[in-house]
Amino acid sequence: MMPSVLNRLSMAEDTGLCRSGDSLLLVVDMQERLASAVPAEDFNPAATNTVMLLQAAAALEVPVIRTEQYPKGLGKTVAALQPHLSEAAIKLDKTGFSCCSAGGFMEAIQSMQRRQVIITGMETHICVLQTAFELQQRGYQVFVAADACCARSPERSSNGIQRLRHAGITVTHSESVLFEWLGDATHPQFKALSQLLK
């Protein structure tokens, strides 16, 4: 049974844009040993853009969930992200590739009463993709920030992005998410958050 929040907006009211008051940020498996297998030219921008979204989420009170895939074998969340993860950010360990299979994951999302899930992380064609597909099937509006995702090769990541688009999932950019969350240049956080892009 879908949470009632999913029915809060009618299709006519749904603009296809991210809204800070209706979003949660999901950071998928940005872990040490996984990162070491990703080319630096792909991982570094993905990590930088994820940090930017974490900073924006903190400023705009967008809740955050992060997952770690078998951390005993694949390590902890990378050091670059650690300072930007607040105590309120929910951390869940998993062994299934979709985050939806992690114990407590769906309960955490439902408790947040948010219908939009913004996804960053790795790997694009495996855990990000499977999570996005399952959340879409459960009635959530899913946005994948392509520039905040990566995989062991650009070809794998590109394949994942193509499949996500083909399935009707919104593939977006971290800067698009930020400006959609702000909505207007008069937003009290506009000046501070726009500095994150420099």
N, C-alpha and C. Protein backbone atom coordinates (compact mmCIF):
# COMPACT_ATOMS: atom_id res chain seq x y z
N MET A 1 0.84 -1.19 0.00
CA MET A 1 0.00 0.00 0.00
C MET A 1 0.88 1.25 0.00
N MET A 2 0.58 2.19 -0.90
CA MET A 2 1.40 3.37 -1.03
C MET A 2 1.08 4.35 0.10
N PRO A 3 2.10 5.06 0.60
CA PRO A 3 1.83 6.07 1.60
C PRO A 3 0.96 7.18 1.04
N SER A 4 0.11 7.77 1.88
CA SER A 4 -0.84 8.77 1.42
C SER A 4 -0.17 9.98 0.80
N VAL A 5 1.07 10.24 1.20
CA VAL A 5 1.78 11.40 0.66
C VAL A 5 1.90 11.32 -0.86
N LEU A 6 1.92 10.13 -1.43
CA LEU A 6 2.08 9.98 -2.87
C LEU A 6 0.89 10.51 -3.62
N ASN A 7 -0.24 10.63 -2.95
CA ASN A 7 -1.45 11.12 -3.60
C ASN A 7 -1.68 12.60 -3.33
N ARG A 8 -0.72 13.25 -2.68
CA ARG A 8 -0.91 14.63 -2.26
C ARG A 8 -1.04 15.59 -3.42
N LEU A 9 -0.31 15.35 -4.49
CA LEU A 9 -0.38 16.22 -5.65
C LEU A 9 -1.04 15.50 -6.81
N SER A 10 -1.96 16.18 -7.44
CA SER A 10 -2.58 15.59 -8.63
C SER A 10 -1.62 15.72 -9.79
N MET A 11 -1.86 14.96 -10.85
CA MET A 11 -1.01 15.04 -12.03
C MET A 11 -1.01 16.45 -12.60
N ALA A 12 -2.16 17.14 -12.51
CA ALA A 12 -2.26 18.49 -13.05
C ALA A 12 -1.35 19.46 -12.29
N GLU A 13 -1.12 19.20 -11.00
CA GLU A 13 -0.29 20.09 -10.19
C GLU A 13 1.19 19.73 -10.27
N ASP A 14 1.51 18.58 -10.82
CA ASP A 14 2.87 18.10 -10.86
C ASP A 14 3.60 18.74 -12.02
N THR A 15 4.55 19.64 -11.71
CA THR A 15 5.27 20.38 -12.75
C THR A 15 6.46 19.62 -13.31
N GLY A 16 6.84 18.53 -12.67
CA GLY A 16 8.04 17.81 -13.09
C GLY A 16 9.31 18.40 -12.51
N LEU A 17 9.16 19.39 -11.63
CA LEU A 17 10.30 20.03 -10.99
C LEU A 17 10.48 19.51 -9.57
N CYS A 18 11.72 19.54 -9.09
CA CYS A 18 11.99 19.19 -7.70
C CYS A 18 11.50 20.31 -6.79
N ARG A 19 10.96 19.94 -5.65
CA ARG A 19 10.52 20.91 -4.64
C ARG A 19 11.19 20.54 -3.32
N SER A 20 11.84 21.50 -2.69
CA SER A 20 12.59 21.19 -1.47
C SER A 20 11.69 20.62 -0.38
N GLY A 21 10.47 21.12 -0.29
CA GLY A 21 9.57 20.65 0.75
C GLY A 21 8.97 19.29 0.50
N ASP A 22 9.23 18.75 -0.70
CA ASP A 22 8.66 17.45 -1.05
C ASP A 22 9.75 16.44 -1.43
N SER A 23 11.02 16.83 -1.26
CA SER A 23 12.14 16.00 -1.69
C SER A 23 12.86 15.35 -0.51
N LEU A 24 13.50 14.23 -0.81
CA LEU A 24 14.55 13.70 0.06
C LEU A 24 15.72 13.36 -0.84
N LEU A 25 16.92 13.42 -0.28
CA LEU A 25 18.15 13.13 -1.02
C LEU A 25 18.66 11.77 -0.61
N LEU A 26 18.88 10.91 -1.59
CA LEU A 26 19.37 9.56 -1.35
C LEU A 26 20.77 9.42 -1.95
N VAL A 27 21.76 9.15 -1.10
CA VAL A 27 23.15 8.97 -1.53
C VAL A 27 23.45 7.47 -1.47
N VAL A 28 23.66 6.88 -2.63
CA VAL A 28 23.78 5.42 -2.75
C VAL A 28 25.25 4.99 -2.82
N ASP A 29 25.71 4.30 -1.79
CA ASP A 29 26.97 3.51 -1.84
C ASP A 29 28.20 4.28 -2.31
N MET A 30 28.37 5.50 -1.84
CA MET A 30 29.59 6.25 -2.18
C MET A 30 30.69 5.82 -1.21
N GLN A 31 31.26 4.65 -1.46
CA GLN A 31 32.16 4.00 -0.52
C GLN A 31 33.59 3.89 -1.03
N GLU A 32 34.50 3.74 -0.07
CA GLU A 32 35.94 3.80 -0.34
C GLU A 32 36.39 2.81 -1.41
N ARG A 33 36.08 1.54 -1.23
CA ARG A 33 36.62 0.53 -2.16
C ARG A 33 35.91 0.56 -3.50
N LEU A 34 34.65 0.93 -3.50
CA LEU A 34 33.97 1.12 -4.78
C LEU A 34 34.59 2.30 -5.52
N ALA A 35 34.85 3.38 -4.78
CA ALA A 35 35.41 4.58 -5.40
C ALA A 35 36.78 4.31 -6.00
N SER A 36 37.56 3.44 -5.38
CA SER A 36 38.91 3.16 -5.88
C SER A 36 38.88 2.45 -7.24
N ALA A 37 37.74 1.86 -7.59
CA ALA A 37 37.61 1.16 -8.87
C ALA A 37 37.06 2.06 -9.98
N VAL A 38 36.69 3.29 -9.61
CA VAL A 38 36.11 4.23 -10.57
C VAL A 38 37.19 5.21 -11.03
N PRO A 39 37.30 5.49 -12.33
CA PRO A 39 38.30 6.47 -12.79
C PRO A 39 38.12 7.80 -12.05
N ALA A 40 39.23 8.39 -11.63
CA ALA A 40 39.17 9.64 -10.85
C ALA A 40 38.42 10.74 -11.59
N GLU A 41 38.55 10.78 -12.92
CA GLU A 41 37.88 11.83 -13.69
C GLU A 41 36.36 11.67 -13.68
N ASP A 42 35.88 10.49 -13.29
CA ASP A 42 34.44 10.27 -13.15
C ASP A 42 34.01 10.39 -11.69
N PHE A 43 34.83 9.83 -10.78
CA PHE A 43 34.44 9.84 -9.38
C PHE A 43 34.49 11.23 -8.77
N ASN A 44 35.55 11.98 -9.04
CA ASN A 44 35.72 13.27 -8.38
C ASN A 44 34.57 14.24 -8.65
N PRO A 45 34.11 14.41 -9.90
CA PRO A 45 32.95 15.28 -10.12
C PRO A 45 31.68 14.75 -9.45
N ALA A 46 31.50 13.43 -9.46
CA ALA A 46 30.31 12.86 -8.82
C ALA A 46 30.32 13.16 -7.32
N ALA A 47 31.49 13.01 -6.69
CA ALA A 47 31.61 13.29 -5.26
C ALA A 47 31.39 14.78 -4.98
N THR A 48 31.99 15.63 -5.80
CA THR A 48 31.85 17.08 -5.63
C THR A 48 30.39 17.51 -5.74
N ASN A 49 29.69 16.98 -6.72
CA ASN A 49 28.28 17.34 -6.93
C ASN A 49 27.38 16.76 -5.84
N THR A 50 27.74 15.60 -5.32
CA THR A 50 27.00 15.04 -4.20
C THR A 50 27.19 15.90 -2.96
N VAL A 51 28.41 16.35 -2.72
CA VAL A 51 28.66 17.25 -1.58
C VAL A 51 27.83 18.52 -1.71
N MET A 52 27.79 19.09 -2.92
CA MET A 52 26.99 20.30 -3.14
C MET A 52 25.53 20.06 -2.80
N LEU A 53 24.99 18.91 -3.21
CA LEU A 53 23.59 18.62 -2.90
C LEU A 53 23.40 18.36 -1.41
N LEU A 54 24.37 17.75 -0.75
CA LEU A 54 24.29 17.56 0.70
C LEU A 54 24.27 18.91 1.42
N GLN A 55 25.10 19.85 0.97
CA GLN A 55 25.13 21.18 1.58
C GLN A 55 23.80 21.90 1.36
N ALA A 56 23.27 21.80 0.15
CA ALA A 56 21.99 22.43 -0.14
C ALA A 56 20.87 21.78 0.67
N ALA A 57 20.91 20.46 0.77
CA ALA A 57 19.88 19.75 1.54
C ALA A 57 19.89 20.19 3.00
N ALA A 58 21.09 20.38 3.57
CA ALA A 58 21.20 20.82 4.96
C ALA A 58 20.60 22.21 5.13
N ALA A 59 20.91 23.10 4.19
CA ALA A 59 20.41 24.48 4.29
C ALA A 59 18.91 24.58 4.10
N LEU A 60 18.35 23.68 3.29
CA LEU A 60 16.93 23.75 2.94
C LEU A 60 16.08 22.73 3.69
N GLU A 61 16.69 22.04 4.64
CA GLU A 61 15.99 21.05 5.46
C GLU A 61 15.38 19.93 4.63
N VAL A 62 16.15 19.50 3.63
CA VAL A 62 15.78 18.32 2.84
C VAL A 62 16.39 17.11 3.53
N PRO A 63 15.59 16.13 3.94
CA PRO A 63 16.16 14.97 4.64
C PRO A 63 17.07 14.13 3.74
N VAL A 64 18.02 13.45 4.38
CA VAL A 64 19.03 12.68 3.66
C VAL A 64 19.06 11.25 4.17
N ILE A 65 19.13 10.31 3.22
CA ILE A 65 19.41 8.91 3.53
C ILE A 65 20.66 8.53 2.75
N ARG A 66 21.56 7.80 3.40
CA ARG A 66 22.72 7.26 2.67
C ARG A 66 22.79 5.77 2.93
N THR A 67 23.24 5.04 1.94
CA THR A 67 23.38 3.59 2.08
C THR A 67 24.83 3.19 1.87
N GLU A 68 25.18 2.04 2.45
CA GLU A 68 26.48 1.44 2.23
C GLU A 68 26.25 -0.02 1.88
N GLN A 69 26.82 -0.44 0.75
CA GLN A 69 26.72 -1.81 0.28
C GLN A 69 27.81 -2.65 0.95
N TYR A 70 27.40 -3.60 1.76
CA TYR A 70 28.33 -4.51 2.42
C TYR A 70 29.59 -3.78 2.89
N PRO A 71 29.45 -2.86 3.85
CA PRO A 71 30.58 -2.02 4.26
C PRO A 71 31.79 -2.79 4.78
N LYS A 72 31.58 -4.00 5.32
CA LYS A 72 32.71 -4.81 5.78
C LYS A 72 33.68 -5.09 4.63
N GLY A 73 33.13 -5.28 3.44
CA GLY A 73 33.98 -5.57 2.29
C GLY A 73 34.30 -4.36 1.43
N LEU A 74 33.37 -3.41 1.36
CA LEU A 74 33.54 -2.29 0.44
C LEU A 74 33.88 -0.97 1.13
N GLY A 75 34.01 -1.01 2.44
CA GLY A 75 34.45 0.18 3.15
C GLY A 75 33.34 1.15 3.50
N LYS A 76 33.74 2.20 4.18
CA LYS A 76 32.81 3.22 4.63
C LYS A 76 32.55 4.25 3.54
N THR A 77 31.60 5.12 3.79
CA THR A 77 31.35 6.26 2.91
C THR A 77 32.64 7.08 2.79
N VAL A 78 32.94 7.54 1.57
CA VAL A 78 34.20 8.23 1.32
C VAL A 78 34.36 9.46 2.22
N ALA A 79 35.62 9.75 2.54
CA ALA A 79 35.93 10.84 3.47
C ALA A 79 35.42 12.19 2.99
N ALA A 80 35.39 12.41 1.68
CA ALA A 80 34.96 13.71 1.14
C ALA A 80 33.52 14.05 1.53
N LEU A 81 32.70 13.03 1.72
CA LEU A 81 31.30 13.26 2.05
C LEU A 81 31.07 13.39 3.56
N GLN A 82 31.93 12.79 4.35
CA GLN A 82 31.69 12.66 5.78
C GLN A 82 31.37 13.98 6.49
N PRO A 83 32.12 15.07 6.24
CA PRO A 83 31.83 16.31 6.97
C PRO A 83 30.47 16.92 6.63
N HIS A 84 29.87 16.47 5.54
CA HIS A 84 28.62 17.06 5.07
C HIS A 84 27.40 16.20 5.40
N LEU A 85 27.62 15.13 6.14
CA LEU A 85 26.52 14.25 6.56
C LEU A 85 26.16 14.61 8.00
N SER A 86 24.98 15.18 8.16
CA SER A 86 24.56 15.60 9.49
C SER A 86 24.17 14.38 10.32
N GLU A 87 24.04 14.60 11.62
CA GLU A 87 23.61 13.51 12.50
C GLU A 87 22.20 13.04 12.14
N ALA A 88 21.42 13.93 11.53
CA ALA A 88 20.05 13.56 11.16
C ALA A 88 20.00 12.66 9.93
N ALA A 89 21.10 12.62 9.16
CA ALA A 89 21.12 11.78 7.95
C ALA A 89 21.04 10.31 8.37
N ILE A 90 20.11 9.60 7.78
CA ILE A 90 19.91 8.18 8.11
C ILE A 90 20.91 7.34 7.31
N LYS A 91 21.61 6.44 8.00
CA LYS A 91 22.56 5.53 7.34
C LYS A 91 22.01 4.12 7.43
N LEU A 92 21.97 3.44 6.29
CA LEU A 92 21.49 2.07 6.24
C LEU A 92 22.49 1.20 5.49
N ASP A 93 22.80 0.04 6.06
CA ASP A 93 23.64 -0.95 5.39
C ASP A 93 22.75 -1.87 4.57
N LYS A 94 23.32 -2.41 3.49
CA LYS A 94 22.55 -3.31 2.65
C LYS A 94 23.45 -4.34 1.99
N THR A 95 22.83 -5.40 1.53
CA THR A 95 23.51 -6.37 0.68
C THR A 95 22.79 -6.50 -0.65
N GLY A 96 21.49 -6.18 -0.68
CA GLY A 96 20.75 -6.16 -1.94
C GLY A 96 21.19 -4.96 -2.76
N PHE A 97 21.08 -5.06 -4.06
CA PHE A 97 21.54 -3.97 -4.91
C PHE A 97 20.57 -2.79 -4.90
N SER A 98 19.29 -3.04 -4.83
CA SER A 98 18.32 -1.95 -4.68
C SER A 98 18.27 -1.53 -3.22
N CYS A 99 18.27 -0.23 -2.99
CA CYS A 99 18.15 0.27 -1.61
C CYS A 99 16.82 -0.15 -0.99
N CYS A 100 15.83 -0.39 -1.83
CA CYS A 100 14.51 -0.76 -1.32
C CYS A 100 14.53 -2.07 -0.55
N SER A 101 15.58 -2.88 -0.76
CA SER A 101 15.68 -4.16 -0.06
C SER A 101 16.34 -4.02 1.31
N ALA A 102 16.91 -2.85 1.61
CA ALA A 102 17.59 -2.66 2.88
C ALA A 102 16.59 -2.57 4.02
N GLY A 103 16.90 -3.24 5.12
CA GLY A 103 16.01 -3.20 6.27
C GLY A 103 15.80 -1.78 6.76
N GLY A 104 14.55 -1.37 6.88
CA GLY A 104 14.22 -0.05 7.38
C GLY A 104 14.18 1.04 6.33
N PHE A 105 14.58 0.72 5.08
CA PHE A 105 14.66 1.77 4.05
C PHE A 105 13.28 2.32 3.70
N MET A 106 12.36 1.46 3.34
CA MET A 106 11.04 1.95 2.95
C MET A 106 10.33 2.62 4.12
N GLU A 107 10.53 2.07 5.33
CA GLU A 107 9.92 2.69 6.51
C GLU A 107 10.47 4.10 6.72
N ALA A 108 11.78 4.27 6.49
CA ALA A 108 12.40 5.59 6.65
C ALA A 108 11.83 6.59 5.65
N ILE A 109 11.71 6.16 4.40
CA ILE A 109 11.17 7.05 3.37
C ILE A 109 9.71 7.41 3.69
N GLN A 110 8.93 6.42 4.05
CA GLN A 110 7.52 6.69 4.34
C GLN A 110 7.36 7.64 5.51
N SER A 111 8.24 7.52 6.51
CA SER A 111 8.14 8.39 7.69
C SER A 111 8.47 9.84 7.35
N MET A 112 9.22 10.06 6.29
CA MET A 112 9.60 11.42 5.90
C MET A 112 8.49 12.17 5.18
N GLN A 113 7.49 11.43 4.70
CA GLN A 113 6.36 12.06 4.01
C GLN A 113 6.81 12.93 2.84
N ARG A 114 7.73 12.42 2.05
CA ARG A 114 8.21 13.11 0.85
C ARG A 114 7.93 12.19 -0.34
N ARG A 115 7.46 12.76 -1.44
CA ARG A 115 7.14 11.93 -2.60
C ARG A 115 8.21 11.96 -3.67
N GLN A 116 9.18 12.88 -3.57
CA GLN A 116 10.24 12.98 -4.56
C GLN A 116 11.55 12.45 -3.96
N VAL A 117 12.22 11.60 -4.71
CA VAL A 117 13.51 11.06 -4.26
C VAL A 117 14.57 11.47 -5.28
N ILE A 118 15.56 12.24 -4.79
CA ILE A 118 16.68 12.68 -5.63
C ILE A 118 17.83 11.73 -5.34
N ILE A 119 18.34 11.05 -6.37
CA ILE A 119 19.36 10.02 -6.17
C ILE A 119 20.70 10.45 -6.72
N THR A 120 21.74 10.24 -5.90
CA THR A 120 23.13 10.34 -6.34
C THR A 120 23.82 9.03 -5.95
N GLY A 121 25.02 8.79 -6.49
CA GLY A 121 25.75 7.62 -5.99
C GLY A 121 26.33 6.73 -7.06
N MET A 122 26.56 5.49 -6.66
CA MET A 122 27.21 4.53 -7.53
C MET A 122 26.75 3.11 -7.20
N GLU A 123 26.80 2.19 -8.08
CA GLU A 123 27.12 2.44 -9.46
C GLU A 123 25.84 2.74 -10.23
N THR A 124 25.97 3.61 -11.23
CA THR A 124 24.80 4.10 -11.96
C THR A 124 23.96 2.98 -12.52
N HIS A 125 24.60 1.99 -13.12
CA HIS A 125 23.89 0.94 -13.85
C HIS A 125 23.44 -0.22 -12.97
N ILE A 126 23.80 -0.19 -11.69
CA ILE A 126 23.43 -1.30 -10.79
C ILE A 126 22.56 -0.76 -9.66
N CYS A 127 23.18 -0.30 -8.58
CA CYS A 127 22.41 0.07 -7.39
C CYS A 127 21.55 1.31 -7.60
N VAL A 128 22.09 2.32 -8.31
CA VAL A 128 21.28 3.51 -8.58
C VAL A 128 20.08 3.13 -9.44
N LEU A 129 20.35 2.39 -10.52
CA LEU A 129 19.28 2.02 -11.45
C LEU A 129 18.22 1.15 -10.78
N GLN A 130 18.63 0.11 -10.08
CA GLN A 130 17.64 -0.79 -9.47
C GLN A 130 16.81 -0.06 -8.42
N THR A 131 17.44 0.82 -7.66
CA THR A 131 16.71 1.59 -6.66
C THR A 131 15.70 2.52 -7.33
N ALA A 132 16.14 3.21 -8.37
CA ALA A 132 15.24 4.14 -9.07
C ALA A 132 14.04 3.41 -9.66
N PHE A 133 14.29 2.25 -10.28
CA PHE A 133 13.19 1.49 -10.86
C PHE A 133 12.18 1.07 -9.78
N GLU A 134 12.68 0.58 -8.66
CA GLU A 134 11.77 0.09 -7.63
C GLU A 134 11.00 1.23 -6.96
N LEU A 135 11.66 2.35 -6.75
CA LEU A 135 10.95 3.49 -6.16
C LEU A 135 9.88 4.00 -7.12
N GLN A 136 10.18 4.04 -8.41
CA GLN A 136 9.18 4.46 -9.39
C GLN A 136 7.98 3.51 -9.37
N GLN A 137 8.26 2.20 -9.28
CA GLN A 137 7.18 1.22 -9.24
C GLN A 137 6.31 1.38 -8.00
N ARG A 138 6.90 1.91 -6.93
CA ARG A 138 6.16 2.11 -5.69
C ARG A 138 5.45 3.46 -5.64
N GLY A 139 5.52 4.21 -6.73
CA GLY A 139 4.76 5.44 -6.84
C GLY A 139 5.49 6.72 -6.52
N TYR A 140 6.80 6.64 -6.28
CA TYR A 140 7.57 7.85 -6.01
C TYR A 140 8.01 8.52 -7.30
N GLN A 141 8.19 9.83 -7.24
CA GLN A 141 8.73 10.59 -8.36
C GLN A 141 10.25 10.60 -8.18
N VAL A 142 10.97 10.01 -9.11
CA VAL A 142 12.40 9.77 -8.95
C VAL A 142 13.19 10.66 -9.91
N PHE A 143 14.20 11.32 -9.35
CA PHE A 143 15.13 12.14 -10.12
C PHE A 143 16.53 11.59 -9.89
N VAL A 144 17.25 11.30 -10.95
CA VAL A 144 18.64 10.85 -10.83
C VAL A 144 19.55 11.97 -11.31
N ALA A 145 20.40 12.47 -10.41
CA ALA A 145 21.35 13.53 -10.77
C ALA A 145 22.54 12.88 -11.47
N ALA A 146 22.54 12.90 -12.79
CA ALA A 146 23.52 12.13 -13.57
C ALA A 146 24.95 12.57 -13.28
N ASP A 147 25.15 13.85 -13.03
CA ASP A 147 26.52 14.34 -12.79
C ASP A 147 26.99 14.05 -11.37
N ALA A 148 26.12 13.47 -10.56
CA ALA A 148 26.48 13.06 -9.19
C ALA A 148 26.45 11.55 -9.06
N CYS A 149 26.51 10.86 -10.20
CA CYS A 149 26.55 9.39 -10.23
C CYS A 149 27.75 8.95 -11.06
N CYS A 150 28.21 7.74 -10.78
CA CYS A 150 29.35 7.22 -11.55
C CYS A 150 29.37 5.70 -11.47
N ALA A 151 30.27 5.12 -12.27
CA ALA A 151 30.44 3.67 -12.31
C ALA A 151 31.88 3.36 -12.66
N ARG A 152 32.20 2.07 -12.73
CA ARG A 152 33.58 1.68 -12.99
C ARG A 152 34.06 2.05 -14.38
N SER A 153 33.15 2.41 -15.27
CA SER A 153 33.55 2.92 -16.58
C SER A 153 32.45 3.85 -17.07
N PRO A 154 32.81 4.82 -17.92
CA PRO A 154 31.79 5.71 -18.48
C PRO A 154 30.73 4.96 -19.27
N GLU A 155 31.12 3.85 -19.92
CA GLU A 155 30.17 3.08 -20.72
C GLU A 155 29.07 2.48 -19.84
N ARG A 156 29.47 1.96 -18.67
CA ARG A 156 28.48 1.39 -17.75
C ARG A 156 27.53 2.47 -17.26
N SER A 157 28.10 3.62 -16.90
CA SER A 157 27.26 4.71 -16.40
C SER A 157 26.30 5.20 -17.48
N SER A 158 26.81 5.35 -18.69
CA SER A 158 25.99 5.81 -19.81
C SER A 158 24.84 4.84 -20.09
N ASN A 159 25.13 3.54 -20.02
CA ASN A 159 24.08 2.55 -20.22
C ASN A 159 23.00 2.68 -19.16
N GLY A 160 23.41 2.89 -17.92
CA GLY A 160 22.44 3.06 -16.84
C GLY A 160 21.56 4.27 -17.06
N ILE A 161 22.16 5.39 -17.47
CA ILE A 161 21.41 6.62 -17.72
C ILE A 161 20.41 6.41 -18.86
N GLN A 162 20.84 5.73 -19.92
CA GLN A 162 19.94 5.46 -21.04
C GLN A 162 18.74 4.64 -20.59
N ARG A 163 18.99 3.61 -19.78
CA ARG A 163 17.88 2.77 -19.30
C ARG A 163 16.94 3.55 -18.39
N LEU A 164 17.49 4.41 -17.54
CA LEU A 164 16.66 5.23 -16.66
C LEU A 164 15.74 6.12 -17.48
N ARG A 165 16.30 6.79 -18.48
CA ARG A 165 15.48 7.66 -19.34
C ARG A 165 14.40 6.86 -20.05
N HIS A 166 14.79 5.72 -20.57
CA HIS A 166 13.83 4.88 -21.31
C HIS A 166 12.67 4.46 -20.41
N ALA A 167 12.93 4.30 -19.13
CA ALA A 167 11.89 3.90 -18.17
C ALA A 167 11.06 5.08 -17.68
N GLY A 168 11.37 6.28 -18.15
CA GLY A 168 10.58 7.44 -17.76
C GLY A 168 11.01 8.09 -16.46
N ILE A 169 12.18 7.72 -15.98
CA ILE A 169 12.72 8.36 -14.77
C ILE A 169 13.42 9.65 -15.19
N THR A 170 13.24 10.70 -14.41
CA THR A 170 13.84 11.99 -14.75
C THR A 170 15.33 11.97 -14.46
N VAL A 171 16.12 12.11 -15.52
CA VAL A 171 17.57 12.25 -15.38
C VAL A 171 17.86 13.73 -15.39
N THR A 172 18.49 14.21 -14.33
CA THR A 172 18.68 15.64 -14.14
C THR A 172 20.13 15.94 -13.83
N HIS A 173 20.40 17.16 -13.44
CA HIS A 173 21.74 17.67 -13.14
C HIS A 173 21.69 18.26 -11.74
N SER A 174 22.77 18.15 -11.00
CA SER A 174 22.77 18.65 -9.62
C SER A 174 22.44 20.14 -9.55
N GLU A 175 22.91 20.92 -10.52
CA GLU A 175 22.61 22.35 -10.53
C GLU A 175 21.12 22.59 -10.76
N SER A 176 20.50 21.76 -11.61
CA SER A 176 19.05 21.88 -11.82
C SER A 176 18.30 21.62 -10.53
N VAL A 177 18.72 20.58 -9.79
CA VAL A 177 18.07 20.27 -8.52
C VAL A 177 18.19 21.45 -7.57
N LEU A 178 19.39 22.01 -7.46
CA LEU A 178 19.61 23.13 -6.55
C LEU A 178 18.68 24.30 -6.87
N PHE A 179 18.63 24.70 -8.14
CA PHE A 179 17.81 25.86 -8.50
C PHE A 179 16.31 25.56 -8.43
N GLU A 180 15.93 24.31 -8.65
CA GLU A 180 14.52 23.94 -8.47
C GLU A 180 14.15 23.97 -6.99
N TRP A 181 15.05 23.51 -6.11
CA TRP A 181 14.80 23.59 -4.68
C TRP A 181 14.65 25.04 -4.23
N LEU A 182 15.46 25.94 -4.80
CA LEU A 182 15.38 27.35 -4.42
C LEU A 182 14.14 28.02 -5.01
N GLY A 183 13.89 27.77 -6.28
CA GLY A 183 12.67 28.26 -6.91
C GLY A 183 12.68 29.72 -7.33
N ASP A 184 13.40 30.58 -6.60
CA ASP A 184 13.33 32.02 -6.86
C ASP A 184 14.61 32.66 -6.33
N ALA A 185 15.10 33.68 -7.04
CA ALA A 185 16.30 34.38 -6.60
C ALA A 185 16.09 35.17 -5.31
N THR A 186 14.83 35.32 -4.90
CA THR A 186 14.55 36.01 -3.63
C THR A 186 14.56 35.05 -2.44
N HIS A 187 14.79 33.77 -2.70
CA HIS A 187 14.83 32.79 -1.60
C HIS A 187 15.93 33.22 -0.61
N PRO A 188 15.66 33.13 0.69
CA PRO A 188 16.66 33.55 1.69
C PRO A 188 18.01 32.84 1.56
N GLN A 189 18.01 31.62 1.02
CA GLN A 189 19.25 30.86 0.89
C GLN A 189 19.91 31.00 -0.49
N PHE A 190 19.30 31.82 -1.36
CA PHE A 190 19.80 31.87 -2.74
C PHE A 190 21.26 32.30 -2.81
N LYS A 191 21.61 33.38 -2.13
CA LYS A 191 22.98 33.91 -2.24
C LYS A 191 23.99 32.89 -1.73
N ALA A 192 23.73 32.30 -0.58
CA ALA A 192 24.67 31.35 0.01
C ALA A 192 24.80 30.10 -0.86
N LEU A 193 23.67 29.56 -1.32
CA LEU A 193 23.73 28.31 -2.07
C LEU A 193 24.26 28.50 -3.48
N SER A 194 24.02 29.65 -4.07
CA SER A 194 24.55 29.87 -5.42
C SER A 194 26.08 29.94 -5.40
N GLN A 195 26.66 30.25 -4.23
CA GLN A 195 28.12 30.26 -4.10
C GLN A 195 28.69 28.85 -4.22
N LEU A 196 27.89 27.83 -3.97
CA LEU A 196 28.38 26.45 -4.07
C LEU A 196 28.75 26.09 -5.50
N LEU A 197 28.27 26.84 -6.44
CA LEU A 197 28.50 26.52 -7.85
C LEU A 197 29.80 27.14 -8.37
N LYS A 198 30.45 27.95 -7.56
CA LYS A 198 31.67 28.63 -8.02
C LYS A 198 32.91 27.79 -7.71
